[in-house]
Amino acid sequence: MLMLGGALLTGATGYFTRTGPTAVQFLAMGVVGLLCIFGLAYFDHRTEPRDENGS
């Protein structure tokens, strides 16, 4: 579900920057895509089950 949301957010960024220069569109989509990837990695890290010895 999170990956779908990130893809939709990246696609929406491309849609809303479609009238600008191509370089700006690629940069905006790249930044949003990277933020979504880091957000997913952070969420995955926070929800990963831990064993009792803390590792």
N, C-alpha and C. Protein backbone atom coordinates (compact mmCIF):
# COMPACT_ATOMS: atom_id res chain seq x y z
N MET A 1 0.82 -1.18 0.00
CA MET A 1 0.00 0.00 0.00
C MET A 1 0.87 1.25 0.00
N LEU A 2 1.95 1.21 0.78
CA LEU A 2 2.85 2.35 0.81
C LEU A 2 3.55 2.57 -0.53
N MET A 3 3.92 1.48 -1.17
CA MET A 3 4.58 1.60 -2.47
C MET A 3 3.62 2.17 -3.51
N LEU A 4 2.38 1.77 -3.46
CA LEU A 4 1.38 2.31 -4.37
C LEU A 4 1.19 3.80 -4.12
N GLY A 5 1.13 4.19 -2.87
CA GLY A 5 1.01 5.61 -2.53
C GLY A 5 2.20 6.42 -3.03
N GLY A 6 3.39 5.87 -2.88
CA GLY A 6 4.58 6.56 -3.37
C GLY A 6 4.59 6.70 -4.89
N ALA A 7 4.13 5.65 -5.57
CA ALA A 7 4.05 5.70 -7.03
C ALA A 7 3.02 6.73 -7.48
N LEU A 8 1.89 6.77 -6.79
CA LEU A 8 0.86 7.76 -7.13
C LEU A 8 1.35 9.19 -6.86
N LEU A 9 2.07 9.37 -5.76
CA LEU A 9 2.61 10.69 -5.44
C LEU A 9 3.64 11.13 -6.48
N THR A 10 4.50 10.21 -6.89
CA THR A 10 5.50 10.52 -7.91
C THR A 10 4.82 10.81 -9.25
N GLY A 11 3.82 10.05 -9.60
CA GLY A 11 3.07 10.30 -10.82
C GLY A 11 2.35 11.63 -10.79
N ALA A 12 1.77 11.97 -9.65
CA ALA A 12 1.09 13.26 -9.51
C ALA A 12 2.09 14.41 -9.64
N THR A 13 3.28 14.22 -9.13
CA THR A 13 4.32 15.24 -9.29
C THR A 13 4.64 15.44 -10.76
N GLY A 14 4.77 14.35 -11.49
CA GLY A 14 5.01 14.46 -12.93
C GLY A 14 3.85 15.13 -13.65
N TYR A 15 2.65 14.82 -13.23
CA TYR A 15 1.47 15.42 -13.87
C TYR A 15 1.42 16.94 -13.62
N PHE A 16 1.67 17.35 -12.39
CA PHE A 16 1.56 18.76 -12.06
C PHE A 16 2.75 19.59 -12.55
N THR A 17 3.84 18.95 -12.90
CA THR A 17 4.99 19.68 -13.45
C THR A 17 5.10 19.50 -14.96
N ARG A 18 4.07 19.00 -15.60
CA ARG A 18 4.13 18.69 -17.03
C ARG A 18 4.28 19.92 -17.91
N THR A 19 3.88 21.09 -17.44
CA THR A 19 3.98 22.29 -18.27
C THR A 19 5.36 22.95 -18.16
N GLY A 20 6.16 22.52 -17.20
CA GLY A 20 7.49 23.09 -17.03
C GLY A 20 8.50 22.41 -17.93
N PRO A 21 9.73 22.88 -17.87
CA PRO A 21 10.78 22.23 -18.65
C PRO A 21 10.98 20.77 -18.23
N THR A 22 11.42 19.96 -19.16
CA THR A 22 11.59 18.53 -18.90
C THR A 22 12.59 18.28 -17.77
N ALA A 23 13.65 19.08 -17.72
CA ALA A 23 14.65 18.90 -16.66
C ALA A 23 14.04 19.13 -15.29
N VAL A 24 13.16 20.11 -15.18
CA VAL A 24 12.51 20.39 -13.90
C VAL A 24 11.58 19.25 -13.53
N GLN A 25 10.87 18.71 -14.51
CA GLN A 25 9.97 17.59 -14.25
C GLN A 25 10.75 16.37 -13.78
N PHE A 26 11.85 16.05 -14.46
CA PHE A 26 12.67 14.91 -14.04
C PHE A 26 13.25 15.11 -12.65
N LEU A 27 13.71 16.32 -12.37
CA LEU A 27 14.29 16.60 -11.06
C LEU A 27 13.23 16.48 -9.96
N ALA A 28 12.06 17.05 -10.20
CA ALA A 28 10.98 16.99 -9.19
C ALA A 28 10.54 15.55 -8.96
N MET A 29 10.37 14.80 -10.03
CA MET A 29 9.95 13.40 -9.88
C MET A 29 11.04 12.57 -9.20
N GLY A 30 12.29 12.86 -9.50
CA GLY A 30 13.39 12.14 -8.86
C GLY A 30 13.46 12.40 -7.37
N VAL A 31 13.28 13.67 -6.99
CA VAL A 31 13.33 14.02 -5.57
C VAL A 31 12.16 13.38 -4.82
N VAL A 32 10.97 13.47 -5.39
CA VAL A 32 9.80 12.87 -4.74
C VAL A 32 9.95 11.35 -4.68
N GLY A 33 10.45 10.75 -5.74
CA GLY A 33 10.67 9.30 -5.75
C GLY A 33 11.65 8.87 -4.67
N LEU A 34 12.75 9.61 -4.54
CA LEU A 34 13.73 9.29 -3.50
C LEU A 34 13.15 9.47 -2.10
N LEU A 35 12.37 10.51 -1.90
CA LEU A 35 11.74 10.71 -0.60
C LEU A 35 10.78 9.56 -0.27
N CYS A 36 10.07 9.08 -1.27
CA CYS A 36 9.17 7.94 -1.05
C CYS A 36 9.96 6.67 -0.72
N ILE A 37 11.09 6.47 -1.38
CA ILE A 37 11.92 5.30 -1.10
C ILE A 37 12.46 5.36 0.33
N PHE A 38 12.97 6.53 0.72
CA PHE A 38 13.49 6.67 2.08
C PHE A 38 12.36 6.55 3.11
N GLY A 39 11.18 7.06 2.79
CA GLY A 39 10.04 6.91 3.69
C GLY A 39 9.65 5.46 3.87
N LEU A 40 9.64 4.70 2.79
CA LEU A 40 9.32 3.27 2.88
C LEU A 40 10.38 2.53 3.69
N ALA A 41 11.65 2.85 3.46
CA ALA A 41 12.73 2.20 4.20
C ALA A 41 12.63 2.52 5.69
N TYR A 42 12.30 3.78 6.02
CA TYR A 42 12.16 4.15 7.43
C TYR A 42 10.99 3.40 8.06
N PHE A 43 9.85 3.35 7.36
CA PHE A 43 8.69 2.64 7.88
C PHE A 43 9.02 1.16 8.07
N ASP A 44 9.70 0.56 7.11
CA ASP A 44 10.06 -0.85 7.20
C ASP A 44 10.99 -1.09 8.39
N HIS A 45 11.93 -0.18 8.60
CA HIS A 45 12.85 -0.30 9.74
C HIS A 45 12.11 -0.19 11.06
N ARG A 46 11.16 0.74 11.15
CA ARG A 46 10.44 0.96 12.40
C ARG A 46 9.48 -0.18 12.73
N THR A 47 8.97 -0.87 11.73
CA THR A 47 7.99 -1.92 11.98
C THR A 47 8.60 -3.32 11.99
N GLU A 48 9.91 -3.41 11.81
CA GLU A 48 10.58 -4.71 11.80
C GLU A 48 10.57 -5.30 13.20
N PRO A 49 10.15 -6.56 13.35
CA PRO A 49 10.15 -7.15 14.68
C PRO A 49 11.57 -7.32 15.22
N ARG A 50 11.74 -7.08 16.48
CA ARG A 50 13.05 -7.21 17.12
C ARG A 50 13.00 -8.38 18.10
N ASP A 51 14.13 -9.05 18.26
CA ASP A 51 14.17 -10.11 19.27
C ASP A 51 14.51 -9.49 20.63
N GLU A 52 14.53 -10.31 21.66
CA GLU A 52 14.64 -9.79 23.01
C GLU A 52 16.02 -9.27 23.37
N ASN A 53 17.08 -9.68 22.67
CA ASN A 53 18.41 -9.21 23.04
C ASN A 53 18.76 -7.88 22.38
N GLY A 54 17.83 -7.24 21.66
CA GLY A 54 18.02 -5.91 21.15
C GLY A 54 18.71 -5.81 19.80
N SER A 55 18.94 -6.92 19.14
CA SER A 55 19.62 -6.84 17.84
C SER A 55 18.64 -6.78 16.70
